[in-house]
């Protein structure tokens, strides 16, 4: 695996985990104010890849 392929892979995986965390925060744990920015961070990470 080349380094140029590894960085987008890690950023995309981190974005997916942040999206899941944001969904859990808003729907399960009733932490909407904190969960929405975490979920929106999911959009920024794959775009930076």
N, C-alpha and C. Protein backbone atom coordinates (compact mmCIF):
# COMPACT_ATOMS: atom_id res chain seq x y z
N UNK A 1 0.85 -1.17 0.00
CA UNK A 1 0.00 0.00 0.00
C UNK A 1 0.90 1.24 0.00
N UNK A 2 0.56 2.16 -0.85
CA UNK A 2 1.34 3.39 -0.96
C UNK A 2 0.85 4.42 0.03
N UNK A 3 1.72 5.35 0.39
CA UNK A 3 1.37 6.38 1.35
C UNK A 3 0.23 7.25 0.83
N UNK A 4 0.20 7.51 -0.46
CA UNK A 4 -0.87 8.35 -1.01
C UNK A 4 -2.24 7.67 -0.92
N UNK A 5 -2.27 6.36 -0.81
CA UNK A 5 -3.53 5.64 -0.64
C UNK A 5 -3.90 5.49 0.83
N UNK A 6 -2.90 5.48 1.70
CA UNK A 6 -3.12 5.24 3.12
C UNK A 6 -3.77 6.44 3.81
N UNK A 7 -3.35 7.64 3.48
CA UNK A 7 -3.87 8.84 4.14
C UNK A 7 -5.37 9.02 3.89
N UNK A 8 -5.85 8.94 2.65
CA UNK A 8 -7.31 9.05 2.45
C UNK A 8 -8.09 7.93 3.12
N UNK A 9 -7.50 6.75 3.20
CA UNK A 9 -8.16 5.64 3.87
C UNK A 9 -8.37 5.95 5.35
N UNK A 10 -7.34 6.43 6.01
CA UNK A 10 -7.44 6.77 7.43
C UNK A 10 -8.42 7.92 7.65
N UNK A 11 -8.36 8.94 6.80
CA UNK A 11 -9.28 10.07 6.96
C UNK A 11 -10.73 9.64 6.74
N UNK A 12 -10.97 8.78 5.79
CA UNK A 12 -12.34 8.31 5.53
C UNK A 12 -12.86 7.44 6.68
N UNK A 13 -11.99 6.58 7.21
CA UNK A 13 -12.40 5.74 8.34
C UNK A 13 -12.70 6.60 9.56
N UNK A 14 -11.87 7.59 9.82
CA UNK A 14 -12.10 8.49 10.95
C UNK A 14 -13.39 9.26 10.76
N UNK A 15 -13.66 9.69 9.54
CA UNK A 15 -14.92 10.39 9.25
C UNK A 15 -16.13 9.52 9.50
N UNK A 16 -16.05 8.25 9.12
CA UNK A 16 -17.16 7.33 9.37
C UNK A 16 -17.41 7.10 10.84
N UNK A 17 -16.32 6.99 11.60
CA UNK A 17 -16.46 6.81 13.05
C UNK A 17 -17.05 8.05 13.69
N UNK A 18 -16.64 9.23 13.25
CA UNK A 18 -17.21 10.47 13.78
C UNK A 18 -18.69 10.59 13.43
N UNK A 19 -19.05 10.16 12.24
CA UNK A 19 -20.46 10.20 11.85
C UNK A 19 -21.29 9.30 12.75
N UNK A 20 -20.79 8.10 13.00
CA UNK A 20 -21.51 7.17 13.88
C UNK A 20 -21.61 7.72 15.29
N UNK A 21 -20.53 8.32 15.77
CA UNK A 21 -20.55 8.90 17.11
C UNK A 21 -21.55 10.05 17.19
N UNK A 22 -21.58 10.90 16.17
CA UNK A 22 -22.55 12.00 16.14
C UNK A 22 -23.98 11.51 16.11
N UNK A 23 -24.23 10.43 15.36
CA UNK A 23 -25.58 9.86 15.32
C UNK A 23 -25.97 9.31 16.69
N UNK A 24 -25.05 8.62 17.34
CA UNK A 24 -25.35 8.08 18.68
C UNK A 24 -25.59 9.21 19.67
N UNK A 25 -24.79 10.26 19.58
CA UNK A 25 -24.96 11.37 20.52
C UNK A 25 -26.31 12.03 20.35
N UNK A 26 -26.78 12.19 19.12
CA UNK A 26 -28.05 12.90 18.93
C UNK A 26 -29.26 12.01 19.17
N UNK A 27 -29.21 10.76 18.75
CA UNK A 27 -30.41 9.92 18.81
C UNK A 27 -30.50 9.07 20.07
N UNK A 28 -29.39 8.56 20.55
CA UNK A 28 -29.44 7.62 21.67
C UNK A 28 -29.20 8.33 22.99
N UNK A 29 -28.18 9.18 23.02
CA UNK A 29 -27.78 9.79 24.30
C UNK A 29 -28.42 11.14 24.54
N UNK A 30 -29.27 11.63 23.61
CA UNK A 30 -29.96 12.92 23.73
C UNK A 30 -29.01 14.08 24.01
N UNK A 31 -27.90 14.10 23.28
CA UNK A 31 -26.92 15.18 23.38
C UNK A 31 -26.87 15.89 22.02
N UNK A 32 -27.99 16.52 21.64
CA UNK A 32 -28.10 17.08 20.30
C UNK A 32 -27.13 18.23 20.06
N UNK A 33 -26.94 19.08 21.03
CA UNK A 33 -26.07 20.25 20.85
C UNK A 33 -24.63 19.81 20.59
N UNK A 34 -24.16 18.77 21.25
CA UNK A 34 -22.80 18.28 21.05
C UNK A 34 -22.71 17.34 19.85
N UNK A 35 -23.77 16.62 19.55
CA UNK A 35 -23.73 15.61 18.49
C UNK A 35 -23.75 16.17 17.09
N UNK A 36 -24.43 17.28 16.89
CA UNK A 36 -24.52 17.85 15.54
C UNK A 36 -23.15 18.30 15.02
N UNK A 37 -22.34 19.04 15.79
CA UNK A 37 -21.01 19.39 15.28
C UNK A 37 -20.11 18.18 15.05
N UNK A 38 -20.24 17.16 15.86
CA UNK A 38 -19.44 15.95 15.66
C UNK A 38 -19.85 15.28 14.36
N UNK A 39 -21.13 15.22 14.09
CA UNK A 39 -21.60 14.64 12.84
C UNK A 39 -21.19 15.47 11.63
N UNK A 40 -21.17 16.78 11.77
CA UNK A 40 -20.75 17.64 10.68
C UNK A 40 -19.25 17.54 10.41
N UNK A 41 -18.48 17.19 11.42
CA UNK A 41 -17.04 16.99 11.22
C UNK A 41 -16.80 15.84 10.26
N UNK A 42 -17.76 14.95 10.15
CA UNK A 42 -17.66 13.83 9.22
C UNK A 42 -17.58 14.32 7.78
N UNK A 43 -18.21 15.43 7.49
CA UNK A 43 -18.18 15.98 6.14
C UNK A 43 -16.81 16.56 5.81
N UNK A 44 -16.16 17.16 6.79
CA UNK A 44 -14.88 17.83 6.55
C UNK A 44 -13.73 16.85 6.32
N UNK A 45 -13.72 15.73 7.02
CA UNK A 45 -12.59 14.81 6.90
C UNK A 45 -12.46 14.17 5.52
N UNK A 46 -13.50 13.59 4.95
CA UNK A 46 -13.33 13.03 3.61
C UNK A 46 -13.04 14.08 2.54
N UNK A 47 -13.56 15.30 2.73
CA UNK A 47 -13.26 16.35 1.77
C UNK A 47 -11.79 16.74 1.80
N UNK A 48 -11.16 16.64 2.96
CA UNK A 48 -9.74 16.97 3.07
C UNK A 48 -8.85 15.88 2.45
N UNK A 49 -9.41 14.71 2.26
CA UNK A 49 -8.62 13.62 1.66
C UNK A 49 -8.45 13.88 0.20
